[in-house]
Amino acid sequence: MNLEQIKKAIEEGKKVYWGNRAYEVIKDSVGQYLVYCSLNEYCFGLTHVDGVTLSERESSFFVMAH
């Protein structure tokens, strides 16, 4: 998934993950997109400082079907 696909899925209420279901992409209360690890509650930015380049490979992101 590319950045726009990830943002759109989250805006549509879908759950987006990176690598596995322990790492969920979230949008926080100030509008930042973060990757949240449920195992240790650590977060890191979805993109590099430029706000465009994903911090991880596009192919590593996925949406879970409900």
C-alpha atoms as a PDB file:
ATOM      1  CA  MET A   1       0.000   0.000   0.000  1.00  0.00           C
ATOM      2  CA  ASN A   2       1.238   3.487  -0.738  1.00  0.00           C
ATOM      3  CA  LEU A   3       0.824   6.481   1.573  1.00  0.00           C
ATOM      4  CA  GLU A   4      -2.425   7.693   0.026  1.00  0.00           C
ATOM      5  CA  GLN A   5      -3.966   4.212   0.134  1.00  0.00           C
ATOM      6  CA  ILE A   6      -3.025   3.875   3.812  1.00  0.00           C
ATOM      7  CA  LYS A   7      -4.492   7.275   4.718  1.00  0.00           C
ATOM      8  CA  LYS A   8      -7.678   6.580   2.761  1.00  0.00           C
ATOM      9  CA  ALA A   9      -8.178   3.194   4.409  1.00  0.00           C
ATOM     10  CA  ILE A  10      -7.775   4.718   7.874  1.00  0.00           C
ATOM     11  CA  GLU A  11     -10.195   7.534   7.043  1.00  0.00           C
ATOM     12  CA  GLU A  12     -12.681   4.848   5.945  1.00  0.00           C
ATOM     13  CA  GLY A  13     -12.350   3.204   9.366  1.00  0.00           C
ATOM     14  CA  LYS A  14     -10.326   0.222   8.179  1.00  0.00           C
ATOM     15  CA  LYS A  15      -7.485  -1.232  10.228  1.00  0.00           C
ATOM     16  CA  VAL A  16      -4.105  -0.978   8.505  1.00  0.00           C
ATOM     17  CA  TYR A  17      -1.111  -2.944   9.746  1.00  0.00           C
ATOM     18  CA  TRP A  18       2.605  -3.084   9.063  1.00  0.00           C
ATOM     19  CA  GLY A  19       4.330  -6.458   9.015  1.00  0.00           C
ATOM     20  CA  ASN A  20       1.904  -8.192  11.368  1.00  0.00           C
ATOM     21  CA  ARG A  21      -1.131  -7.375  13.506  1.00  0.00           C
ATOM     22  CA  ALA A  22       1.011  -6.198  16.429  1.00  0.00           C
ATOM     23  CA  TYR A  23       1.828  -3.036  14.423  1.00  0.00           C
ATOM     24  CA  GLU A  24      -1.237  -0.958  13.619  1.00  0.00           C
ATOM     25  CA  VAL A  25      -1.168   2.297  11.689  1.00  0.00           C
ATOM     26  CA  ILE A  26      -3.127   4.924  13.610  1.00  0.00           C
ATOM     27  CA  LYS A  27      -4.010   8.587  13.281  1.00  0.00           C
ATOM     28  CA  ASP A  28      -3.538  10.399  16.580  1.00  0.00           C
ATOM     29  CA  SER A  29      -5.533  13.290  18.032  1.00  0.00           C
ATOM     30  CA  VAL A  30      -3.355  15.906  16.297  1.00  0.00           C
ATOM     31  CA  GLY A  31      -3.541  14.249  12.868  1.00  0.00           C
ATOM     32  CA  GLN A  32      -0.213  12.423  12.819  1.00  0.00           C
ATOM     33  CA  TYR A  33      -0.056   8.984  11.222  1.00  0.00           C
ATOM     34  CA  LEU A  34       1.912   6.585  13.412  1.00  0.00           C
ATOM     35  CA  VAL A  35       2.739   2.908  13.566  1.00  0.00           C
ATOM     36  CA  TYR A  36       1.713   1.676  17.029  1.00  0.00           C
ATOM     37  CA  CYS A  37       3.091  -1.529  18.521  1.00  0.00           C
ATOM     38  CA  SER A  38       0.575  -3.196  20.828  1.00  0.00           C
ATOM     39  CA  LEU A  39       3.297  -5.347  22.416  1.00  0.00           C
ATOM     40  CA  ASN A  40       5.249  -2.500  24.015  1.00  0.00           C
ATOM     41  CA  GLU A  41       3.117   0.606  23.262  1.00  0.00           C
ATOM     42  CA  TYR A  42       5.925   2.108  21.157  1.00  0.00           C
ATOM     43  CA  CYS A  43       5.049   4.400  18.236  1.00  0.00           C
ATOM     44  CA  PHE A  44       7.034   5.637  15.276  1.00  0.00           C
ATOM     45  CA  GLY A  45       6.119   7.881  12.381  1.00  0.00           C
ATOM     46  CA  LEU A  46       4.509   6.403   9.298  1.00  0.00           C
ATOM     47  CA  THR A  47       6.742   8.607   7.143  1.00  0.00           C
ATOM     48  CA  HIS A  48      10.175  10.138   7.308  1.00  0.00           C
ATOM     49  CA  VAL A  49      10.468  13.805   8.281  1.00  0.00           C
ATOM     50  CA  ASP A  50       9.575  14.832   4.706  1.00  0.00           C
ATOM     51  CA  GLY A  51       6.008  13.607   5.346  1.00  0.00           C
ATOM     52  CA  VAL A  52       5.976  11.750   2.028  1.00  0.00           C
ATOM     53  CA  THR A  53       8.424   8.850   2.146  1.00  0.00           C
ATOM     54  CA  LEU A  54       7.089   5.833   4.050  1.00  0.00           C
ATOM     55  CA  SER A  55       9.286   4.693   6.913  1.00  0.00           C
ATOM     56  CA  GLU A  56       8.836   1.078   5.768  1.00  0.00           C
ATOM     57  CA  ARG A  57       8.328  -0.744   2.437  1.00  0.00           C
ATOM     58  CA  GLU A  58       4.922  -0.269   0.774  1.00  0.00           C
ATOM     59  CA  SER A  59       4.597  -4.024   0.386  1.00  0.00           C
ATOM     60  CA  SER A  60       4.717  -4.479   4.188  1.00  0.00           C
ATOM     61  CA  PHE A  61       1.405  -2.673   4.827  1.00  0.00           C
ATOM     62  CA  PHE A  62      -1.951  -4.420   4.649  1.00  0.00           C
ATOM     63  CA  VAL A  63      -5.604  -4.073   5.578  1.00  0.00           C
ATOM     64  CA  MET A  64      -7.341  -6.806   7.540  1.00  0.00           C
ATOM     65  CA  ALA A  65     -10.617  -7.925   6.052  1.00  0.00           C
ATOM     66  CA  HIS A  66     -13.487  -7.884   8.542  1.00  0.00           C
END
